[in-house]
Protein backbone atom coordinates (compact mmCIF):
# COMPACT_ATOMS: atom_id res chain seq x y z
CA UNK A 1 76.63 -80.84 -17.20
CA UNK A 2 79.17 -81.08 -14.16
CA UNK A 3 81.22 -84.01 -13.67
CA UNK A 4 81.46 -85.33 -10.46
CA UNK A 5 83.31 -84.37 -7.62
CA UNK A 6 86.38 -87.17 -7.71
CA UNK A 7 89.51 -88.36 -7.47
CA UNK A 8 91.11 -88.66 -11.26
CA UNK A 9 92.67 -91.89 -10.74
CA UNK A 10 93.10 -95.13 -12.69
CA UNK A 11 90.80 -97.05 -10.34
CA UNK A 12 88.14 -93.73 -10.17
CA UNK A 13 87.09 -95.02 -13.71
CA UNK A 14 87.18 -98.29 -13.36
CA UNK A 15 84.64 -98.03 -10.65
CA UNK A 16 82.59 -95.44 -12.57
CA UNK A 17 81.74 -97.59 -16.63
CA UNK A 18 80.83 -100.31 -14.23
CA UNK A 19 78.56 -98.07 -12.79
CA UNK A 20 77.68 -95.96 -15.97
CA UNK A 21 76.99 -99.87 -17.12
CA UNK A 22 74.02 -100.62 -14.32
CA UNK A 23 72.79 -97.55 -15.00
CA UNK A 24 72.15 -97.05 -18.44
CA UNK A 25 71.10 -101.14 -18.74
CA UNK A 26 69.07 -99.49 -15.10
CA UNK A 27 67.94 -97.14 -17.16
CA UNK A 28 66.59 -99.96 -20.37
CA UNK A 29 64.12 -101.34 -18.18
CA UNK A 30 63.29 -99.10 -16.40
CA UNK A 31 62.06 -97.49 -20.17
CA UNK A 32 60.52 -101.24 -20.60
CA UNK A 33 58.80 -100.87 -17.31
CA UNK A 34 57.33 -97.33 -18.11
CA UNK A 35 56.14 -98.40 -21.19
CA UNK A 36 54.66 -101.94 -20.09
CA UNK A 37 52.89 -99.42 -17.64
CA UNK A 38 51.43 -97.40 -19.88
CA UNK A 39 49.64 -100.38 -21.95
CA UNK A 40 48.29 -102.44 -19.01
CA UNK A 41 47.08 -98.51 -18.14
CA UNK A 42 45.57 -97.65 -20.93
CA UNK A 43 44.11 -100.50 -20.82
CA UNK A 44 42.38 -99.97 -18.33
CA UNK A 45 41.13 -96.50 -17.78
CA UNK A 46 38.81 -97.72 -21.26
CA UNK A 47 38.20 -100.90 -19.79
CA UNK A 48 37.13 -98.78 -16.76
CA UNK A 49 35.52 -95.88 -18.61
CA UNK A 50 33.01 -98.70 -20.29
CA UNK A 51 32.27 -99.53 -16.69
CA UNK A 52 31.80 -96.01 -15.21
CA UNK A 53 29.16 -95.75 -18.05
CA UNK A 54 27.36 -98.66 -17.91
CA UNK A 55 27.49 -98.46 -13.71
CA UNK A 56 25.65 -94.65 -13.60
CA UNK A 57 23.06 -95.79 -15.63
CA UNK A 58 22.08 -98.95 -13.86
CA UNK A 59 22.87 -96.26 -10.97
CA UNK A 60 20.09 -93.96 -12.64
CA UNK A 61 17.71 -97.14 -13.37
CA UNK A 62 17.76 -98.14 -9.58
CA UNK A 63 17.47 -94.05 -8.82
CA UNK A 64 14.19 -94.72 -11.04
CA UNK A 65 12.51 -97.14 -8.92
CA UNK A 66 13.16 -95.84 -5.77
CA UNK A 67 11.38 -92.04 -6.25
CA UNK A 68 8.91 -94.68 -8.10
CA UNK A 69 8.23 -96.69 -4.86
CA UNK A 70 8.45 -93.22 -2.39
CA UNK A 71 5.62 -91.61 -4.80
CA UNK A 72 3.57 -94.80 -3.55
CA UNK A 73 4.19 -94.99 -0.95
CA UNK A 74 4.99 -92.23 3.04
CA UNK A 75 8.11 -91.75 3.64
CA UNK A 76 7.38 -93.11 7.57
CA UNK A 77 6.65 -96.56 5.26
CA UNK A 78 9.15 -96.40 2.79
CA UNK A 79 12.27 -95.73 6.31
CA UNK A 80 10.39 -99.27 7.53
CA UNK A 81 10.95 -101.08 4.99
CA UNK A 82 13.94 -100.80 4.51
CA UNK A 83 15.75 -100.64 8.58
CA UNK A 84 16.54 -103.78 8.97
CA UNK A 85 18.29 -105.53 6.49
CA UNK A 86 18.27 -108.88 6.48
CA UNK A 87 21.56 -109.46 4.10
CA UNK A 88 25.03 -109.00 4.44
CA UNK A 89 28.24 -108.17 2.32
CA UNK A 90 31.25 -109.69 3.10
CA UNK A 91 34.56 -108.04 1.44
CA UNK A 92 37.69 -109.07 0.94
CA UNK A 93 40.89 -107.29 -0.41
CA UNK A 94 43.47 -108.72 -1.31
CA UNK A 95 46.38 -107.85 -4.07
CA UNK A 96 48.17 -108.64 -6.88
CA UNK A 97 51.46 -107.48 -8.73
CA UNK A 98 51.70 -106.20 -11.28
CA UNK A 99 55.23 -104.98 -12.37
CA UNK A 100 55.83 -104.11 -8.53
CA UNK A 101 52.27 -102.45 -7.66
CA UNK A 102 50.44 -103.90 -5.56
CA UNK A 103 47.35 -103.71 -7.59
CA UNK A 104 44.16 -104.34 -4.74
CA UNK A 105 41.89 -107.39 -5.43
CA UNK A 106 38.31 -107.38 -4.26
CA UNK A 107 35.49 -109.97 -3.61
CA UNK A 108 32.22 -109.59 -2.37
CA UNK A 109 30.13 -112.59 -0.59
CA UNK A 110 26.97 -112.72 0.58
CA UNK A 111 26.53 -114.36 4.26
CA UNK A 112 23.51 -116.19 2.89
CA UNK A 113 22.73 -118.13 -0.60
CA UNK A 114 19.24 -117.56 -0.82
CA UNK A 115 18.18 -114.10 -2.63
CA UNK A 116 15.12 -113.48 -0.53
CA UNK A 117 17.43 -112.20 1.25
CA UNK A 118 17.73 -108.72 -0.07
CA UNK A 119 14.49 -108.11 0.75
CA UNK A 120 14.20 -106.40 4.15
CA UNK A 121 10.95 -106.89 4.50
CA UNK A 122 7.26 -108.39 3.82
CA UNK A 123 5.52 -107.52 0.71
CA UNK A 124 2.26 -108.02 1.98
CA UNK A 125 2.40 -104.09 2.16
CA UNK A 126 5.33 -102.38 0.31
CA UNK A 127 5.31 -101.71 -3.93
CA UNK A 128 6.49 -103.36 -6.76
CA UNK A 129 8.55 -100.53 -7.11
CA UNK A 130 10.69 -100.79 -4.54
CA UNK A 131 10.84 -104.61 -4.82
CA UNK A 132 12.19 -103.14 -8.80
CA UNK A 133 14.34 -100.24 -7.18
CA UNK A 134 16.27 -103.68 -4.55
CA UNK A 135 16.51 -105.68 -7.09
CA UNK A 136 17.62 -103.08 -9.85
CA UNK A 137 20.27 -101.85 -6.30
CA UNK A 138 21.83 -105.46 -5.75
CA UNK A 139 21.63 -106.17 -9.73
CA UNK A 140 24.12 -102.78 -9.61
CA UNK A 141 26.41 -104.09 -6.24
CA UNK A 142 29.04 -106.49 -8.70
CA UNK A 143 29.40 -103.89 -10.81
CA UNK A 144 29.98 -101.18 -8.41
CA UNK A 145 32.65 -103.27 -6.62
CA UNK A 146 34.10 -103.86 -9.70
CA UNK A 147 34.33 -100.49 -10.71
CA UNK A 148 36.50 -99.57 -7.64
CA UNK A 149 38.41 -102.07 -7.63
CA UNK A 150 39.48 -100.65 -11.40
CA UNK A 151 39.82 -97.07 -10.60
CA UNK A 152 42.06 -97.44 -7.27
CA UNK A 153 43.96 -99.43 -9.71
CA UNK A 154 43.85 -96.58 -12.24
CA UNK A 155 45.39 -94.09 -9.35
CA UNK A 156 48.20 -96.61 -7.86
CA UNK A 157 49.11 -97.03 -11.66
CA UNK A 158 49.04 -93.93 -11.88
CA UNK A 159 51.55 -92.89 -9.84
CA UNK A 160 53.99 -95.75 -10.19
CA UNK A 161 54.01 -94.21 -13.64
CA UNK A 162 55.13 -91.18 -12.93
CA UNK A 163 57.71 -92.86 -10.48
CA UNK A 164 59.22 -93.90 -13.18
CA UNK A 165 59.26 -91.88 -15.61
CA UNK A 166 61.27 -89.24 -12.95
CA UNK A 167 63.20 -92.31 -12.56
CA UNK A 168 64.10 -92.31 -16.68
CA UNK A 169 64.45 -88.65 -16.48
CA UNK A 170 66.65 -88.30 -13.72
CA UNK A 171 68.34 -91.49 -15.17
CA UNK A 172 68.33 -90.09 -19.16
CA UNK A 173 69.22 -86.27 -18.49
CA UNK A 174 70.87 -85.78 -15.01
CA UNK A 175 72.69 -89.34 -14.42
CA UNK A 176 74.40 -90.62 -17.95
CA UNK A 177 75.99 -88.05 -18.76
CA UNK A 178 77.46 -86.47 -15.39
CA UNK A 179 79.12 -90.04 -15.29
CA UNK A 180 80.40 -90.01 -19.54
CA UNK A 181 80.97 -86.45 -18.76
CA UNK A 182 83.37 -87.50 -15.45
CA UNK A 183 84.43 -90.52 -17.03
CA UNK A 184 85.79 -87.82 -20.81
CA UNK A 185 87.15 -85.41 -17.68
CA UNK A 186 89.35 -88.62 -15.70
CA UNK A 187 90.69 -90.22 -18.71
CA UNK A 188 91.89 -86.51 -20.86
CA UNK A 189 93.74 -86.39 -16.83
CA UNK A 190 95.29 -89.42 -16.11
CA UNK A 191 96.27 -89.23 -20.04
CA UNK A 192 97.48 -85.86 -19.41
CA UNK A 193 99.04 -87.12 -16.46
CA UNK A 194 101.25 -90.08 -18.74
CA UNK A 195 102.18 -87.10 -20.57
CA UNK A 196 103.66 -84.77 -17.46
CA UNK A 197 105.28 -88.74 -16.82
CA UNK A 198 107.42 -89.62 -19.66
CA UNK A 199 108.35 -85.94 -20.70
CA UNK A 200 109.83 -85.71 -16.35
CA UNK A 201 111.63 -89.32 -17.41
CA UNK A 202 112.67 -88.41 -20.73
CA UNK A 203 114.24 -85.06 -18.58
CA UNK A 204 116.10 -87.46 -16.07
CA UNK A 205 117.60 -89.22 -18.71
CA UNK A 206 119.47 -86.57 -20.38
CA UNK A 207 119.78 -85.46 -16.75
CA UNK A 208 121.64 -89.13 -15.59
CA UNK A 209 123.27 -88.60 -19.76
CA UNK A 210 124.45 -85.88 -19.83
CA UNK A 211 126.29 -86.67 -15.68
CA UNK A 212 127.37 -89.46 -16.72
CA UNK A 213 129.08 -88.94 -20.25
CA UNK A 214 129.14 -85.41 -21.59
CA UNK A 215 126.07 -85.57 -23.55
CA UNK A 216 121.41 -86.65 -23.35
CA UNK A 217 119.37 -88.45 -25.11
CA UNK A 218 117.98 -85.82 -27.74
CA UNK A 219 122.18 -86.40 -29.15
CA UNK A 220 122.20 -89.54 -29.16
CA UNK A 221 118.72 -89.42 -31.93
CA UNK A 222 120.43 -86.82 -32.97
CA UNK A 223 123.22 -88.83 -34.36
CA UNK A 224 121.44 -91.87 -35.32
CA UNK A 225 120.23 -90.09 -37.92
CA UNK A 226 122.57 -88.65 -39.69
């Protein structure tokens, strides 16, 4: 692991140590976020899978009613019956923050509260199979909207999990080891400089003693041992 291109000074060493502490703390927080996102994502995936199976069954039933209606009614009569819908669906979209992910929230509301407004035709010249098809389609609509909400939430959470995973790996395998290696390098460099400085000071002292008294500090130490 290559060290950072920084000056090996005590100030830089102190700065890097603080950054390392911050990186380790951030790594733990991101790991916790990733794990919690994964837990909620898996729960949502299971709910979405069950809901999709339910919606597919309801749509299959709805389609069967439309097929039966088209078998007893002409295409012109069927198209004309559905040409002018009376009911209107208003969809309001909001967002809920889940672990810094903006999860969409869909709220559907009808223009009128009258349940009979789902039928855009009179009952005199239409088949009851068409009535059943319209009723089943109205029944599956809330589940369809909820399924769209869940699937979009899964997509957003999946993207956030991947982004968080990359950040965790970058900190764990790149940034933190690089900080550690750089701190180790600077520490060794500072220790080496300290030893060099002490050696130079001792030599200067010996030179001063020799110049002043004709002996060195080494001679003094040898005599004291004797």
